[in-house]
N, C-alpha and C. Protein backbone atom coordinates (compact mmCIF):
# COMPACT_ATOMS: atom_id res chain seq x y z
N MET A 1 171.10 192.16 178.48
CA MET A 1 169.94 191.95 179.31
C MET A 1 169.23 190.64 178.98
N ALA A 2 169.25 190.27 177.73
CA ALA A 2 168.56 189.04 177.33
C ALA A 2 169.20 187.81 177.97
N LYS A 3 170.52 187.86 178.15
CA LYS A 3 171.21 186.72 178.73
C LYS A 3 170.82 186.51 180.19
N SER A 4 170.69 187.60 180.94
CA SER A 4 170.36 187.46 182.36
C SER A 4 168.95 186.91 182.56
N SER A 5 168.01 187.29 181.68
CA SER A 5 166.65 186.76 181.83
C SER A 5 166.62 185.27 181.52
N LYS A 6 167.45 184.81 180.59
CA LYS A 6 167.53 183.38 180.30
C LYS A 6 168.10 182.63 181.50
N LYS A 7 169.10 183.21 182.16
CA LYS A 7 169.68 182.57 183.33
C LYS A 7 168.65 182.47 184.45
N LYS A 8 167.86 183.52 184.63
CA LYS A 8 166.83 183.49 185.67
C LYS A 8 165.80 182.41 185.39
N LYS A 9 165.41 182.27 184.13
CA LYS A 9 164.44 181.24 183.78
C LYS A 9 164.99 179.86 184.06
N LYS A 10 166.26 179.65 183.77
CA LYS A 10 166.87 178.34 184.04
C LYS A 10 166.90 178.06 185.54
N LYS A 11 167.21 179.09 186.35
CA LYS A 11 167.25 178.89 187.79
C LYS A 11 165.87 178.56 188.35
N THR A 12 164.85 179.29 187.91
CA THR A 12 163.51 179.01 188.42
C THR A 12 163.02 177.65 187.92
N GLY A 13 163.41 177.24 186.71
CA GLY A 13 163.04 175.92 186.21
C GLY A 13 163.65 174.83 187.06
N GLY A 14 164.90 175.04 187.52
CA GLY A 14 165.55 174.06 188.39
C GLY A 14 164.87 173.96 189.75
N VAL A 15 164.45 175.10 190.28
CA VAL A 15 163.76 175.11 191.56
C VAL A 15 162.42 174.39 191.43
N ARG A 16 161.74 174.64 190.33
CA ARG A 16 160.45 173.96 190.10
C ARG A 16 160.65 172.45 190.01
N LEU A 17 161.70 172.03 189.35
CA LEU A 17 161.98 170.60 189.23
C LEU A 17 162.22 169.98 190.61
N TYR A 18 163.01 170.63 191.42
CA TYR A 18 163.27 170.11 192.77
C TYR A 18 162.00 170.08 193.62
N LEU A 19 161.19 171.12 193.52
CA LEU A 19 159.93 171.14 194.27
C LEU A 19 159.00 170.02 193.81
N MET A 20 158.97 169.79 192.50
CA MET A 20 158.13 168.72 191.97
C MET A 20 158.64 167.36 192.43
N LEU A 21 159.94 167.18 192.46
CA LEU A 21 160.51 165.91 192.93
C LEU A 21 160.21 165.68 194.42
N VAL A 22 160.30 166.73 195.21
CA VAL A 22 159.99 166.61 196.64
C VAL A 22 158.51 166.27 196.81
N PHE A 23 157.65 166.94 196.06
CA PHE A 23 156.22 166.65 196.11
C PHE A 23 155.94 165.21 195.70
N LEU A 24 156.59 164.75 194.65
CA LEU A 24 156.42 163.38 194.18
C LEU A 24 156.89 162.38 195.23
N ALA A 25 158.00 162.67 195.90
CA ALA A 25 158.49 161.77 196.95
C ALA A 25 157.50 161.68 198.11
N VAL A 26 156.92 162.80 198.49
CA VAL A 26 155.94 162.80 199.58
C VAL A 26 154.70 162.01 199.18
N VAL A 27 154.22 162.22 197.95
CA VAL A 27 153.04 161.49 197.48
C VAL A 27 153.33 160.00 197.43
N CYS A 28 154.51 159.62 196.95
CA CYS A 28 154.87 158.19 196.90
C CYS A 28 154.95 157.59 198.29
N ALA A 29 155.42 158.35 199.25
CA ALA A 29 155.51 157.83 200.61
C ALA A 29 154.12 157.65 201.23
N VAL A 30 153.23 158.58 200.94
CA VAL A 30 151.88 158.50 201.49
C VAL A 30 151.09 157.36 200.84
N PHE A 31 151.22 157.22 199.53
CA PHE A 31 150.50 156.19 198.79
C PHE A 31 151.49 155.11 198.35
N LEU A 32 152.14 154.48 199.30
CA LEU A 32 153.22 153.54 199.02
C LEU A 32 152.76 152.33 198.21
N SER A 33 151.62 151.78 198.54
CA SER A 33 151.16 150.57 197.84
C SER A 33 150.85 150.87 196.37
N THR A 34 150.19 151.98 196.11
CA THR A 34 149.89 152.37 194.73
C THR A 34 151.18 152.71 194.00
N SER A 35 152.10 153.38 194.67
CA SER A 35 153.38 153.73 194.06
C SER A 35 154.18 152.50 193.68
N LEU A 36 154.10 151.46 194.49
CA LEU A 36 154.82 150.22 194.19
C LEU A 36 154.31 149.60 192.90
N ILE A 37 153.01 149.50 192.76
CA ILE A 37 152.45 148.92 191.52
C ILE A 37 152.80 149.79 190.32
N LEU A 38 152.67 151.10 190.46
CA LEU A 38 152.98 151.98 189.34
C LEU A 38 154.46 151.97 188.99
N PHE A 39 155.33 151.94 190.00
CA PHE A 39 156.76 151.95 189.73
C PHE A 39 157.19 150.68 188.98
N ILE A 40 156.75 149.53 189.46
CA ILE A 40 157.10 148.27 188.81
C ILE A 40 156.42 148.18 187.44
N GLY A 41 155.17 148.60 187.37
CA GLY A 41 154.41 148.49 186.13
C GLY A 41 154.87 149.43 185.04
N LEU A 42 155.36 150.61 185.41
CA LEU A 42 155.72 151.62 184.41
C LEU A 42 157.20 151.57 184.00
N ILE A 43 157.89 150.51 184.32
CA ILE A 43 159.30 150.39 183.91
C ILE A 43 159.47 150.53 182.39
N PRO A 44 158.63 149.91 181.56
CA PRO A 44 158.80 150.12 180.11
C PRO A 44 158.64 151.58 179.68
N SER A 45 157.82 152.33 180.39
CA SER A 45 157.66 153.75 180.08
C SER A 45 158.93 154.53 180.40
N PHE A 46 159.55 154.21 181.53
CA PHE A 46 160.80 154.87 181.89
C PHE A 46 161.89 154.55 180.86
N VAL A 47 161.94 153.30 180.44
CA VAL A 47 162.93 152.90 179.44
C VAL A 47 162.67 153.64 178.14
N ALA A 48 161.42 153.71 177.70
CA ALA A 48 161.08 154.42 176.46
C ALA A 48 161.45 155.89 176.56
N PHE A 49 161.26 156.49 177.73
CA PHE A 49 161.60 157.90 177.90
C PHE A 49 163.09 158.14 177.74
N PHE A 50 163.91 157.28 178.33
CA PHE A 50 165.35 157.49 178.26
C PHE A 50 165.95 157.05 176.93
N VAL A 51 165.30 156.12 176.24
CA VAL A 51 165.81 155.65 174.95
C VAL A 51 165.42 156.60 173.82
N ASP A 52 164.26 157.23 173.93
CA ASP A 52 163.75 158.10 172.88
C ASP A 52 164.61 159.36 172.77
N GLN A 53 165.23 159.55 171.61
CA GLN A 53 166.14 160.68 171.40
C GLN A 53 165.43 161.90 170.81
N SER A 54 164.18 161.77 170.41
CA SER A 54 163.47 162.88 169.78
C SER A 54 163.18 163.99 170.79
N GLU A 55 162.93 165.17 170.26
CA GLU A 55 162.69 166.32 171.12
C GLU A 55 161.36 166.21 171.87
N LYS A 56 160.32 165.77 171.18
CA LYS A 56 159.00 165.69 171.79
C LYS A 56 158.74 164.37 172.50
N LYS A 57 159.62 163.39 172.33
CA LYS A 57 159.53 162.09 173.00
C LYS A 57 158.17 161.43 172.77
N MET A 58 157.77 161.34 171.51
CA MET A 58 156.47 160.77 171.16
C MET A 58 156.41 159.26 171.43
N LYS A 59 157.54 158.57 171.26
CA LYS A 59 157.54 157.13 171.57
C LYS A 59 157.28 156.94 173.07
N ALA A 60 157.89 157.76 173.90
CA ALA A 60 157.67 157.65 175.34
C ALA A 60 156.22 157.95 175.70
N VAL A 61 155.62 158.91 175.01
CA VAL A 61 154.22 159.25 175.27
C VAL A 61 153.31 158.08 174.88
N THR A 62 153.57 157.50 173.71
CA THR A 62 152.74 156.39 173.24
C THR A 62 152.87 155.17 174.14
N VAL A 63 154.10 154.78 174.41
CA VAL A 63 154.34 153.61 175.26
C VAL A 63 153.82 153.87 176.67
N GLY A 64 154.06 155.06 177.19
CA GLY A 64 153.60 155.40 178.53
C GLY A 64 152.09 155.38 178.65
N SER A 65 151.40 155.84 177.61
CA SER A 65 149.93 155.83 177.65
C SER A 65 149.39 154.41 177.70
N PHE A 66 149.88 153.58 176.80
CA PHE A 66 149.41 152.19 176.80
C PHE A 66 149.83 151.46 178.08
N ASN A 67 151.03 151.76 178.57
CA ASN A 67 151.51 151.12 179.78
C ASN A 67 150.65 151.53 180.99
N ALA A 68 150.29 152.79 181.06
CA ALA A 68 149.44 153.27 182.16
C ALA A 68 148.05 152.62 182.09
N ILE A 69 147.54 152.44 180.86
CA ILE A 69 146.26 151.77 180.70
C ILE A 69 146.35 150.33 181.21
N GLY A 70 147.50 149.69 181.01
CA GLY A 70 147.68 148.34 181.51
C GLY A 70 147.76 148.28 183.03
N CYS A 71 148.22 149.35 183.67
CA CYS A 71 148.34 149.39 185.13
C CYS A 71 147.03 149.70 185.84
N ILE A 72 146.15 150.44 185.18
CA ILE A 72 144.94 150.94 185.83
C ILE A 72 144.08 149.84 186.47
N PRO A 73 143.81 148.72 185.78
CA PRO A 73 142.95 147.71 186.43
C PRO A 73 143.53 147.17 187.74
N PHE A 74 144.83 147.09 187.81
CA PHE A 74 145.45 146.51 189.00
C PHE A 74 145.54 147.54 190.13
N VAL A 75 145.67 148.79 189.78
CA VAL A 75 145.59 149.84 190.80
C VAL A 75 144.15 149.89 191.36
N MET A 76 143.18 149.76 190.47
CA MET A 76 141.78 149.73 190.93
C MET A 76 141.52 148.50 191.81
N GLN A 77 142.12 147.37 191.44
CA GLN A 77 141.98 146.16 192.27
C GLN A 77 142.60 146.40 193.65
N LEU A 78 143.74 147.05 193.69
CA LEU A 78 144.38 147.38 194.96
C LEU A 78 143.48 148.26 195.80
N TRP A 79 142.93 149.30 195.22
CA TRP A 79 142.07 150.21 195.95
C TRP A 79 140.80 149.50 196.43
N ASP A 80 140.33 148.56 195.65
CA ASP A 80 139.13 147.82 196.03
C ASP A 80 139.40 146.87 197.19
N GLN A 81 140.64 146.37 197.28
CA GLN A 81 140.96 145.37 198.31
C GLN A 81 141.61 145.96 199.55
N GLY A 82 141.72 147.26 199.64
CA GLY A 82 142.15 147.83 200.90
C GLY A 82 143.42 148.66 200.91
N LYS A 83 144.10 148.84 199.83
CA LYS A 83 145.27 149.72 199.71
C LYS A 83 146.42 149.37 200.63
N SER A 84 146.54 148.13 201.04
CA SER A 84 147.64 147.77 201.92
C SER A 84 148.85 147.34 201.09
N LEU A 85 150.00 147.40 201.71
CA LEU A 85 151.24 147.01 201.02
C LEU A 85 151.25 145.51 200.72
N GLU A 86 150.66 144.72 201.59
CA GLU A 86 150.59 143.27 201.37
C GLU A 86 149.79 142.94 200.12
N VAL A 87 148.67 143.62 199.95
CA VAL A 87 147.84 143.38 198.76
C VAL A 87 148.59 143.83 197.51
N ALA A 88 149.30 144.94 197.60
CA ALA A 88 150.08 145.43 196.46
C ALA A 88 151.16 144.41 196.09
N MET A 89 151.81 143.83 197.08
CA MET A 89 152.84 142.82 196.80
C MET A 89 152.22 141.58 196.16
N GLN A 90 151.05 141.16 196.64
CA GLN A 90 150.38 140.01 196.03
C GLN A 90 150.03 140.29 194.58
N ILE A 91 149.54 141.49 194.31
CA ILE A 91 149.14 141.84 192.94
C ILE A 91 150.36 141.89 192.03
N ILE A 92 151.40 142.60 192.45
CA ILE A 92 152.53 142.84 191.56
C ILE A 92 153.39 141.60 191.36
N PHE A 93 153.37 140.66 192.30
CA PHE A 93 154.16 139.43 192.13
C PHE A 93 153.39 138.32 191.43
N ASP A 94 152.18 138.60 191.02
CA ASP A 94 151.43 137.65 190.20
C ASP A 94 151.98 137.75 188.77
N PRO A 95 152.54 136.67 188.22
CA PRO A 95 153.15 136.74 186.89
C PRO A 95 152.19 137.20 185.80
N MET A 96 150.93 136.84 185.92
CA MET A 96 149.96 137.23 184.90
C MET A 96 149.75 138.74 184.88
N VAL A 97 149.83 139.36 186.04
CA VAL A 97 149.69 140.81 186.12
C VAL A 97 150.82 141.49 185.34
N LEU A 98 152.04 141.02 185.56
CA LEU A 98 153.17 141.62 184.85
C LEU A 98 153.08 141.36 183.35
N VAL A 99 152.61 140.20 182.96
CA VAL A 99 152.44 139.91 181.53
C VAL A 99 151.42 140.87 180.92
N ILE A 100 150.33 141.10 181.61
CA ILE A 100 149.31 142.00 181.08
C ILE A 100 149.83 143.43 181.00
N ILE A 101 150.47 143.91 182.05
CA ILE A 101 150.96 145.28 182.08
C ILE A 101 152.04 145.49 181.00
N TYR A 102 152.98 144.57 180.92
CA TYR A 102 154.06 144.72 179.94
C TYR A 102 153.58 144.46 178.52
N SER A 103 152.53 143.65 178.36
CA SER A 103 151.94 143.47 177.03
C SER A 103 151.28 144.76 176.55
N ALA A 104 150.67 145.48 177.46
CA ALA A 104 150.09 146.77 177.10
C ALA A 104 151.18 147.73 176.62
N ALA A 105 152.33 147.71 177.29
CA ALA A 105 153.46 148.54 176.85
C ALA A 105 153.95 148.09 175.47
N ALA A 106 153.96 146.78 175.24
CA ALA A 106 154.38 146.26 173.94
C ALA A 106 153.43 146.72 172.84
N VAL A 107 152.15 146.79 173.15
CA VAL A 107 151.18 147.32 172.18
C VAL A 107 151.51 148.79 171.88
N GLY A 108 151.93 149.53 172.90
CA GLY A 108 152.34 150.92 172.67
C GLY A 108 153.53 151.01 171.73
N TYR A 109 154.52 150.13 171.92
CA TYR A 109 155.66 150.10 171.00
C TYR A 109 155.20 149.74 169.59
N LEU A 110 154.28 148.79 169.48
CA LEU A 110 153.77 148.37 168.18
C LEU A 110 153.02 149.50 167.49
N VAL A 111 152.18 150.19 168.22
CA VAL A 111 151.44 151.32 167.64
C VAL A 111 152.41 152.40 167.18
N ASP A 112 153.41 152.71 167.99
CA ASP A 112 154.40 153.71 167.60
C ASP A 112 155.12 153.29 166.32
N TRP A 113 155.54 152.04 166.26
CA TRP A 113 156.25 151.54 165.08
C TRP A 113 155.36 151.61 163.84
N MET A 114 154.08 151.20 163.98
CA MET A 114 153.18 151.22 162.84
C MET A 114 152.89 152.64 162.36
N VAL A 115 152.65 153.54 163.27
CA VAL A 115 152.34 154.92 162.88
C VAL A 115 153.55 155.56 162.19
N VAL A 116 154.72 155.35 162.74
CA VAL A 116 155.92 155.90 162.13
C VAL A 116 156.14 155.30 160.74
N SER A 117 155.93 154.00 160.59
CA SER A 117 156.11 153.35 159.29
C SER A 117 155.11 153.86 158.27
N VAL A 118 153.85 153.98 158.65
CA VAL A 118 152.83 154.46 157.72
C VAL A 118 153.09 155.91 157.35
N ALA A 119 153.42 156.74 158.32
CA ALA A 119 153.70 158.15 158.04
C ALA A 119 154.90 158.29 157.12
N THR A 120 155.93 157.50 157.35
CA THR A 120 157.12 157.54 156.50
C THR A 120 156.77 157.13 155.07
N ALA A 121 156.00 156.07 154.92
CA ALA A 121 155.62 155.60 153.58
C ALA A 121 154.78 156.66 152.86
N LEU A 122 153.84 157.27 153.58
CA LEU A 122 153.00 158.29 152.95
C LEU A 122 153.82 159.51 152.53
N LEU A 123 154.71 159.95 153.38
CA LEU A 123 155.54 161.11 153.04
C LEU A 123 156.49 160.80 151.89
N TYR A 124 157.02 159.58 151.86
CA TYR A 124 157.91 159.19 150.77
C TYR A 124 157.14 159.17 149.45
N LYS A 125 155.92 158.62 149.46
CA LYS A 125 155.09 158.58 148.26
C LYS A 125 154.75 159.99 147.81
N LYS A 126 154.42 160.85 148.74
CA LYS A 126 154.11 162.24 148.41
C LYS A 126 155.31 162.93 147.77
N GLY A 127 156.49 162.67 148.31
CA GLY A 127 157.71 163.25 147.74
C GLY A 127 158.00 162.72 146.34
N GLN A 128 157.78 161.43 146.13
CA GLN A 128 157.98 160.85 144.79
C GLN A 128 157.00 161.46 143.79
N ASP A 129 155.74 161.61 144.20
CA ASP A 129 154.75 162.22 143.31
C ASP A 129 155.12 163.65 142.98
N ARG A 130 155.61 164.38 143.96
CA ARG A 130 156.03 165.77 143.73
C ARG A 130 157.23 165.82 142.79
N LYS A 131 158.16 164.89 142.95
CA LYS A 131 159.33 164.82 142.08
C LYS A 131 158.90 164.55 140.63
N GLU A 132 157.95 163.63 140.45
CA GLU A 132 157.46 163.33 139.11
C GLU A 132 156.73 164.53 138.50
N ALA A 133 155.96 165.25 139.31
CA ALA A 133 155.25 166.43 138.82
C ALA A 133 156.23 167.52 138.39
N ILE A 134 157.30 167.67 139.16
CA ILE A 134 158.32 168.67 138.81
C ILE A 134 159.02 168.28 137.51
N ALA A 135 159.35 167.00 137.37
CA ALA A 135 160.01 166.53 136.14
C ALA A 135 159.09 166.72 134.94
N LYS A 136 157.80 166.45 135.10
CA LYS A 136 156.84 166.63 134.03
C LYS A 136 156.72 168.10 133.64
N ARG A 137 156.64 168.96 134.63
CA ARG A 137 156.56 170.40 134.38
C ARG A 137 157.83 170.91 133.72
N GLN A 138 158.96 170.39 134.15
CA GLN A 138 160.24 170.78 133.57
C GLN A 138 160.29 170.36 132.09
N ALA A 139 159.80 169.16 131.78
CA ALA A 139 159.77 168.70 130.39
C ALA A 139 158.86 169.60 129.55
N GLN A 140 157.72 170.02 130.11
CA GLN A 140 156.83 170.93 129.39
C GLN A 140 157.51 172.27 129.10
N LEU A 141 158.23 172.79 130.09
CA LEU A 141 158.93 174.07 129.91
C LEU A 141 160.04 173.96 128.86
N ILE A 142 160.76 172.85 128.89
CA ILE A 142 161.82 172.66 127.89
C ILE A 142 161.21 172.56 126.50
N LYS A 143 160.11 171.85 126.38
CA LYS A 143 159.43 171.72 125.09
C LYS A 143 158.97 173.08 124.59
N ARG A 144 158.45 173.91 125.50
CA ARG A 144 157.90 175.21 125.10
C ARG A 144 158.99 176.25 124.85
N TRP A 145 160.03 176.29 125.70
CA TRP A 145 161.02 177.36 125.65
C TRP A 145 162.36 176.91 125.13
N GLY A 146 162.59 175.62 125.00
CA GLY A 146 163.87 175.14 124.49
C GLY A 146 164.81 174.75 125.60
N ASP A 147 166.00 174.27 125.21
CA ASP A 147 166.99 173.78 126.18
C ASP A 147 167.60 174.89 127.02
N GLY A 148 167.40 176.11 126.67
CA GLY A 148 167.98 177.23 127.42
C GLY A 148 167.40 177.40 128.82
N VAL A 149 166.25 176.85 129.07
CA VAL A 149 165.64 177.02 130.39
C VAL A 149 166.16 176.01 131.40
N LYS A 150 167.01 175.08 130.99
CA LYS A 150 167.58 174.11 131.92
C LYS A 150 168.51 174.76 132.93
N GLY A 151 169.13 175.85 132.55
CA GLY A 151 170.03 176.54 133.44
C GLY A 151 171.42 175.94 133.46
N GLU A 152 171.76 175.18 132.44
CA GLU A 152 173.09 174.55 132.40
C GLU A 152 174.07 175.41 131.62
């Protein structure tokens, strides 16, 4: 019985995915100018999502967040100037706009790299300290109980 319920969940998950994709396609068609800016602007986020092999995809979340922040001012500029496709093309083909948007994504990559490096260093130091504490405790036990407690 457990197997059949898992199969049902997979089927409903697939239906939900297709419904979400259809909904996304309709929204993109209705808001074409905004979708154009977001699609071109969020390319680094898509790349980070597909490159990130981790289960939780934290690199994709970090890069995507910073990348979206870089896109927001230009989407707001589009909405302020009339939401037309012509205005969207003018905005997205401005080289400075792409530099700003992609620089925001680069900051996301940098933040991810720094956080991972700092966390790794801290965990390594914690492990080394624990190893030294265990060796110290082991030396105390050998001193108190003799070589027989080594287990050799």
